[in-house]
Amino acid sequence: MFVWSKLSASKWLDAWEDRFHGNPNFVLHVLKGGRSLRVEVFCATKAEGDAIAKQFGGTVRKLSSDWKNASPEIPPPLKVRNAFIVTQASAAKDLKQLAKDFPGRELISIPPEMAFGTGDHATTSTCLRILVDIAKTRGAGWSCADLGTGSGLLAIAARKLGAGDTFACDHDPFAVKVAERNFERNGTPGIETKELDILTWKPRKKYDVVLANIFSTVLIQAFPVITKTLRPGGDIVLSGILADQAWDVFTAAASHGLGFPEVIRKGRWITARGAWMNDLTA
C-alpha cells in the first residue's frame, strides 16, 4: 500500500473535498493553526499514487503496514426519483442483489476512483434528479453534452433516460479514462468523449441539454463557450456552485442571455435549471 500526500493552503479545502469526494481512500487533515492542510490518498499501487502526483504534485511513499486486505465499506445506494439506483458496488453478486431489491429502476454502477462523481455528492445527486425531470418532457432522441464529466455518471444517466447524441468531456485525462470504463460497465457505449479545456474549446455542435457540474470560478469564465453549445429551446443545468458564489454565477449567466427559474439549494451547494431568456419569456 502507498500513500500520496501534499501540503496545501486551507483556502483550497473545498476544492480538495470536491476533487476526491466519493473516494474512500481520501483523507484531509487540517493542521495546527488552521492555515494549512495535508491531503492524502491511499493507493493500492505506486502507479496510482504517481498518477495523482503527476497532476497535483506532492509525494508518494510506501506504507510499512500491509493494507492489501482492507476493503472500504460500500455506502448505501442513491435512489433518484423512480428512475435510478446509483451504487459504488461493482461486484456481480452485489449488483444482482440491488436489481432484486429495486425492481423497475435502472442500475448505475460507479466504483470510487479518482474521478469526481460517484453520485452521493449534493451537486451530482441534484443534477441527476433534475435530469430525470427534463427527460420526462423530452421523450427520446434528445442530445446532451456533459461538460466536466468526471466519472461519466451524468452522461450515463442521460443515455439511459433516452438521450441520443451524447458528448462528455473533462480536462483531466484520468477522468476521461475512468468515464470511458464506466460507459462500458453500464452498457452505454458510443458516448463521444474528449479530453479538453472548456475555456479554450471551440464547440462545433449544439445540444438540447447541457450539463455543467463545474466550480463556480470556471463556470463564470466558461459562459462564452457554454452558450455556444445550447440550442434554442434547450435546457441547461449548472452545479458545483457554493451558495455564497451563486449570485456571481447567475449574474454572469444573465449577461450571456441565460436565465435560471429553478434553483435548488442542498446544504451549501446550489444546482440550477435554466434556459435562454428568450425561451423563458416566449
Protein backbone atom coordinates (compact mmCIF):
# COMPACT_ATOMS: atom_id res chain seq x y z
CA MET A 1 0.00 0.00 0.00
CA PHE A 2 1.18 3.52 -0.85
CA VAL A 3 0.03 6.98 0.15
CA TRP A 4 0.14 10.18 -1.89
CA SER A 5 0.29 13.35 0.17
CA LYS A 6 0.54 17.09 -0.37
CA LEU A 7 0.52 20.20 1.81
CA SER A 8 -1.93 22.90 0.73
CA ALA A 9 -3.31 26.21 1.90
CA SER A 10 -6.60 25.87 3.81
CA LYS A 11 -8.42 28.09 1.29
CA TRP A 12 -8.39 25.12 -1.11
CA LEU A 13 -10.25 22.83 1.30
CA ASP A 14 -13.49 22.85 -0.74
CA ALA A 15 -11.61 22.14 -3.95
CA TRP A 16 -9.81 19.12 -2.47
CA GLU A 17 -13.02 17.76 -0.95
CA ASP A 18 -14.80 18.03 -4.28
CA ARG A 19 -11.92 16.60 -6.29
CA PHE A 20 -11.73 13.39 -4.25
CA HIS A 21 -15.28 13.16 -2.92
CA GLY A 22 -16.55 9.58 -3.08
CA ASN A 23 -13.06 8.09 -2.88
CA PRO A 24 -12.97 6.15 0.42
CA ASN A 25 -9.15 6.34 0.48
CA PHE A 26 -9.07 10.15 0.63
CA VAL A 27 -8.11 11.80 3.94
CA LEU A 28 -7.90 15.52 4.68
CA HIS A 29 -6.05 16.82 7.76
CA VAL A 30 -6.39 20.41 8.99
CA LEU A 31 -3.02 21.25 10.51
CA LYS A 32 -2.50 23.18 13.73
CA GLY A 33 -3.42 26.82 13.31
CA GLY A 34 -5.92 26.09 10.53
CA ARG A 35 -3.94 27.77 7.77
CA SER A 36 -2.66 24.59 6.12
CA LEU A 37 -3.95 21.18 5.07
CA ARG A 38 -2.37 17.83 4.45
CA VAL A 39 -4.16 15.96 1.68
CA GLU A 40 -3.70 12.18 1.45
CA VAL A 41 -4.95 9.44 -0.84
CA PHE A 42 -4.14 5.82 -0.04
CA CYS A 43 -3.37 3.76 -3.15
CA ALA A 44 -3.01 0.05 -3.82
CA THR A 45 -0.08 0.61 -6.22
CA LYS A 46 2.67 3.17 -6.61
CA ALA A 47 1.45 3.84 -10.15
CA GLU A 48 -1.87 5.13 -8.78
CA GLY A 49 -0.05 7.49 -6.44
CA ASP A 50 2.30 8.64 -9.18
CA ALA A 51 -0.68 9.47 -11.42
CA ILE A 52 -2.06 11.80 -8.74
CA ALA A 53 1.38 13.33 -8.12
CA LYS A 54 1.81 13.97 -11.83
CA GLN A 55 -1.36 16.05 -11.84
CA PHE A 56 -1.20 17.75 -8.44
CA GLY A 57 2.41 17.48 -7.27
CA GLY A 58 3.12 16.10 -3.81
CA THR A 59 4.94 12.92 -2.83
CA VAL A 60 4.27 9.18 -2.81
CA ARG A 61 5.60 6.83 -0.13
CA LYS A 62 5.19 3.19 0.72
CA LEU A 63 3.39 2.30 3.94
CA SER A 64 5.01 -0.10 6.36
CA SER A 65 1.69 -1.75 7.24
CA ASP A 66 0.02 -4.24 4.92
CA TRP A 67 -3.36 -2.79 3.96
CA LYS A 68 -3.95 -5.04 0.95
CA ASN A 69 -6.78 -6.94 2.59
CA ALA A 70 -8.59 -3.83 3.75
CA SER A 71 -11.79 -3.14 1.83
CA PRO A 72 -13.79 0.05 2.39
CA GLU A 73 -17.47 -0.31 3.22
CA ILE A 74 -19.73 0.47 0.27
CA PRO A 75 -22.20 3.24 1.20
CA PRO A 76 -25.95 2.76 0.67
CA PRO A 77 -27.13 3.26 -2.93
CA LEU A 78 -28.56 6.58 -4.09
CA LYS A 79 -32.21 6.50 -5.17
CA VAL A 80 -33.01 9.02 -7.91
CA ARG A 81 -36.74 9.66 -8.36
CA ASN A 82 -38.27 6.39 -9.56
CA ALA A 83 -35.66 6.06 -12.30
CA PHE A 84 -32.24 5.06 -10.94
CA ILE A 85 -30.27 3.30 -8.28
CA VAL A 86 -26.69 4.61 -8.27
CA THR A 87 -24.19 2.45 -6.41
CA GLN A 88 -20.46 2.28 -5.81
CA ALA A 89 -20.72 -1.50 -5.83
CA SER A 90 -19.25 -3.30 -8.83
CA ALA A 91 -19.27 -7.00 -7.87
CA ALA A 92 -21.76 -9.03 -9.87
CA LYS A 93 -23.40 -10.52 -6.76
CA ASP A 94 -23.93 -7.07 -5.23
CA LEU A 95 -25.42 -5.67 -8.44
CA LYS A 96 -27.70 -8.68 -8.78
CA GLN A 97 -28.99 -8.15 -5.25
CA LEU A 98 -29.60 -4.44 -5.86
CA ALA A 99 -31.53 -5.23 -9.04
CA LYS A 100 -33.67 -7.60 -6.99
CA ASP A 101 -34.16 -5.08 -4.18
CA PHE A 102 -35.13 -2.22 -6.52
CA PRO A 103 -37.14 -3.67 -9.43
CA GLY A 104 -38.12 -1.27 -12.18
CA ARG A 105 -35.17 1.08 -11.66
CA GLU A 106 -32.11 1.37 -13.88
CA LEU A 107 -28.94 0.40 -12.03
CA ILE A 108 -25.80 2.54 -12.48
CA SER A 109 -22.52 1.29 -11.05
CA ILE A 110 -19.83 3.91 -10.39
CA PRO A 111 -16.99 2.45 -8.31
CA PRO A 112 -15.00 5.07 -6.36
CA GLU A 113 -11.94 6.16 -8.33
CA MET A 114 -10.00 9.38 -8.80
CA ALA A 115 -12.72 10.95 -10.97
CA PHE A 116 -15.38 13.09 -9.30
CA GLY A 117 -18.98 11.93 -9.38
CA THR A 118 -20.00 8.74 -7.57
CA GLY A 119 -23.48 10.20 -7.08
CA ASP A 120 -23.55 10.83 -3.35
CA HIS A 121 -22.33 14.43 -3.50
CA ALA A 122 -25.08 17.05 -3.30
CA THR A 123 -24.23 18.57 -6.67
CA THR A 124 -24.26 15.27 -8.57
CA SER A 125 -27.39 13.85 -6.94
CA THR A 126 -29.36 17.05 -7.56
CA CYS A 127 -28.23 17.17 -11.20
CA LEU A 128 -29.46 13.60 -11.60
CA ARG A 129 -32.90 14.44 -10.23
CA ILE A 130 -33.25 17.45 -12.50
CA LEU A 131 -32.08 15.37 -15.46
CA VAL A 132 -34.85 12.84 -14.78
CA ASP A 133 -37.38 15.69 -14.80
CA ILE A 134 -36.02 17.06 -18.07
CA ALA A 135 -36.12 13.65 -19.75
CA LYS A 136 -39.81 13.25 -18.92
CA THR A 137 -40.60 16.31 -21.04
CA ARG A 138 -38.32 15.38 -23.95
CA GLY A 139 -39.16 11.78 -24.76
CA ALA A 140 -36.40 10.02 -26.68
CA GLY A 141 -33.61 11.05 -29.01
CA TRP A 142 -32.61 14.40 -27.46
CA SER A 143 -28.95 15.34 -27.49
CA CYS A 144 -26.84 16.00 -24.41
CA ALA A 145 -23.44 17.49 -23.52
CA ASP A 146 -21.90 16.71 -20.12
CA LEU A 147 -19.20 19.34 -19.54
CA GLY A 148 -16.75 18.33 -16.83
CA THR A 149 -17.99 14.75 -16.85
CA GLY A 150 -15.74 13.34 -14.10
CA SER A 151 -16.81 9.72 -13.65
CA GLY A 152 -19.26 9.98 -16.57
CA LEU A 153 -22.29 9.45 -14.31
CA LEU A 154 -24.46 12.23 -15.75
CA ALA A 155 -23.74 11.19 -19.34
CA ILE A 156 -24.62 7.58 -18.48
CA ALA A 157 -27.89 8.69 -16.87
CA ALA A 158 -28.74 10.81 -19.91
CA ARG A 159 -28.32 7.85 -22.26
CA LYS A 160 -30.43 5.61 -20.04
CA LEU A 161 -33.11 8.31 -19.96
CA GLY A 162 -33.41 8.40 -23.74
CA ALA A 163 -30.67 10.73 -24.98
CA GLY A 164 -29.29 10.02 -28.42
CA ASP A 165 -26.21 12.02 -29.40
CA THR A 166 -24.27 12.37 -26.12
CA PHE A 167 -20.95 14.15 -25.56
CA ALA A 168 -18.80 14.08 -22.43
CA CYS A 169 -15.59 15.99 -21.76
CA ASP A 170 -13.14 16.70 -18.96
CA HIS A 171 -9.80 18.50 -18.64
CA ASP A 172 -8.43 15.58 -16.58
CA PRO A 173 -7.10 12.73 -18.78
CA PHE A 174 -7.54 10.24 -15.94
CA ALA A 175 -11.18 11.23 -15.55
CA VAL A 176 -11.75 10.66 -19.27
CA LYS A 177 -10.35 7.13 -18.97
CA VAL A 178 -12.49 6.44 -15.90
CA ALA A 179 -15.59 7.74 -17.67
CA GLU A 180 -14.95 5.52 -20.69
CA ARG A 181 -14.63 2.48 -18.41
CA ASN A 182 -17.89 3.41 -16.71
CA PHE A 183 -19.66 3.80 -20.06
CA GLU A 184 -18.74 0.20 -20.92
CA ARG A 185 -19.54 -1.04 -17.41
CA ASN A 186 -23.04 0.42 -17.54
CA GLY A 187 -23.96 -0.57 -21.07
CA THR A 188 -23.80 2.93 -22.57
CA PRO A 189 -21.04 2.77 -25.18
CA GLY A 190 -21.00 5.23 -28.04
CA ILE A 191 -20.80 8.38 -25.92
CA GLU A 192 -18.34 10.75 -27.58
CA THR A 193 -15.62 11.51 -25.03
CA LYS A 194 -12.84 14.09 -25.20
CA GLU A 195 -10.11 15.49 -23.00
CA LEU A 196 -10.25 19.28 -23.35
CA ASP A 197 -10.04 22.60 -21.56
CA ILE A 198 -13.54 24.09 -21.64
CA LEU A 199 -12.10 27.62 -21.52
CA THR A 200 -10.32 27.19 -24.88
CA TRP A 201 -12.72 24.70 -26.50
CA LYS A 202 -14.41 25.63 -29.79
CA PRO A 203 -17.61 23.55 -29.88
CA ARG A 204 -18.94 22.53 -33.29
CA LYS A 205 -22.35 21.24 -32.18
CA LYS A 206 -25.31 22.47 -30.18
CA TYR A 207 -27.24 20.25 -27.79
CA ASP A 208 -30.76 20.04 -26.40
CA VAL A 209 -29.49 19.55 -22.85
CA VAL A 210 -26.22 20.90 -21.44
CA LEU A 211 -24.94 19.78 -18.04
CA ALA A 212 -22.10 21.66 -16.35
CA ASN A 213 -21.20 20.50 -12.84
CA ILE A 214 -18.08 22.66 -12.55
CA PHE A 215 -16.57 25.02 -9.98
CA SER A 216 -18.13 28.50 -9.92
CA THR A 217 -14.95 30.28 -10.96
CA VAL A 218 -14.65 28.11 -14.05
CA LEU A 219 -18.35 28.42 -14.89
CA ILE A 220 -18.13 32.21 -14.90
CA GLN A 221 -15.15 32.16 -17.26
CA ALA A 222 -16.69 29.45 -19.44
CA PHE A 223 -20.09 31.02 -20.22
CA PRO A 224 -18.92 32.37 -23.62
CA VAL A 225 -18.15 28.76 -24.59
CA ILE A 226 -21.07 27.10 -22.80
CA THR A 227 -23.59 29.32 -24.57
CA LYS A 228 -22.28 28.07 -27.92
CA THR A 229 -23.34 24.53 -27.01
CA LEU A 230 -27.02 25.18 -26.13
CA ARG A 231 -29.72 25.02 -28.78
CA PRO A 232 -32.74 27.34 -28.81
CA GLY A 233 -35.37 25.66 -26.65
CA GLY A 234 -32.70 23.75 -24.77
CA ASP A 235 -32.25 23.08 -21.05
CA ILE A 236 -29.07 23.90 -19.16
CA VAL A 237 -28.20 22.55 -15.71
CA LEU A 238 -25.45 24.16 -13.64
CA SER A 239 -23.98 22.90 -10.39
CA GLY A 240 -20.75 22.91 -8.40
CA ILE A 241 -21.83 26.33 -7.10
CA LEU A 242 -21.31 27.30 -3.47
CA ALA A 243 -24.26 29.28 -2.11
CA ASP A 244 -22.19 32.39 -1.46
CA GLN A 245 -20.97 32.35 -5.07
CA ALA A 246 -24.37 31.82 -6.71
CA TRP A 247 -25.16 35.50 -7.32
CA ASP A 248 -21.91 35.99 -9.25
CA VAL A 249 -22.65 32.90 -11.36
CA PHE A 250 -26.23 33.90 -12.21
CA THR A 251 -25.20 37.48 -12.96
CA ALA A 252 -22.55 36.25 -15.38
CA ALA A 253 -25.03 33.81 -16.94
CA ALA A 254 -27.60 36.59 -17.43
CA SER A 255 -25.04 38.72 -19.25
CA HIS A 256 -24.83 35.89 -21.81
CA GLY A 257 -28.61 35.52 -22.17
CA LEU A 258 -29.28 32.65 -19.75
CA GLY A 259 -31.93 32.63 -17.02
CA PHE A 260 -32.45 30.14 -14.18
CA PRO A 261 -36.01 29.99 -12.81
CA GLU A 262 -35.38 26.72 -10.92
CA VAL A 263 -32.74 26.94 -8.19
CA ILE A 264 -32.22 24.19 -5.60
CA ARG A 265 -30.06 24.50 -2.51
CA LYS A 266 -28.75 21.37 -0.82
CA GLY A 267 -26.52 22.12 2.13
CA ARG A 268 -24.04 24.74 0.99
CA TRP A 269 -24.39 23.78 -2.70
CA ILE A 270 -26.58 25.25 -5.44
CA THR A 271 -27.90 23.50 -8.55
CA ALA A 272 -29.96 25.37 -11.14
CA ARG A 273 -32.01 24.52 -14.22
CA GLY A 274 -32.28 27.22 -16.85
CA ALA A 275 -32.65 28.14 -20.50
CA TRP A 276 -32.23 31.01 -22.91
CA MET A 277 -34.11 34.05 -21.56
CA ASN A 278 -35.97 34.37 -24.87
CA ASP A 279 -37.34 30.86 -24.36
CA LEU A 280 -38.39 31.62 -20.78
CA THR A 281 -40.41 34.67 -21.85
CA ALA A 282 -41.91 33.16 -25.00
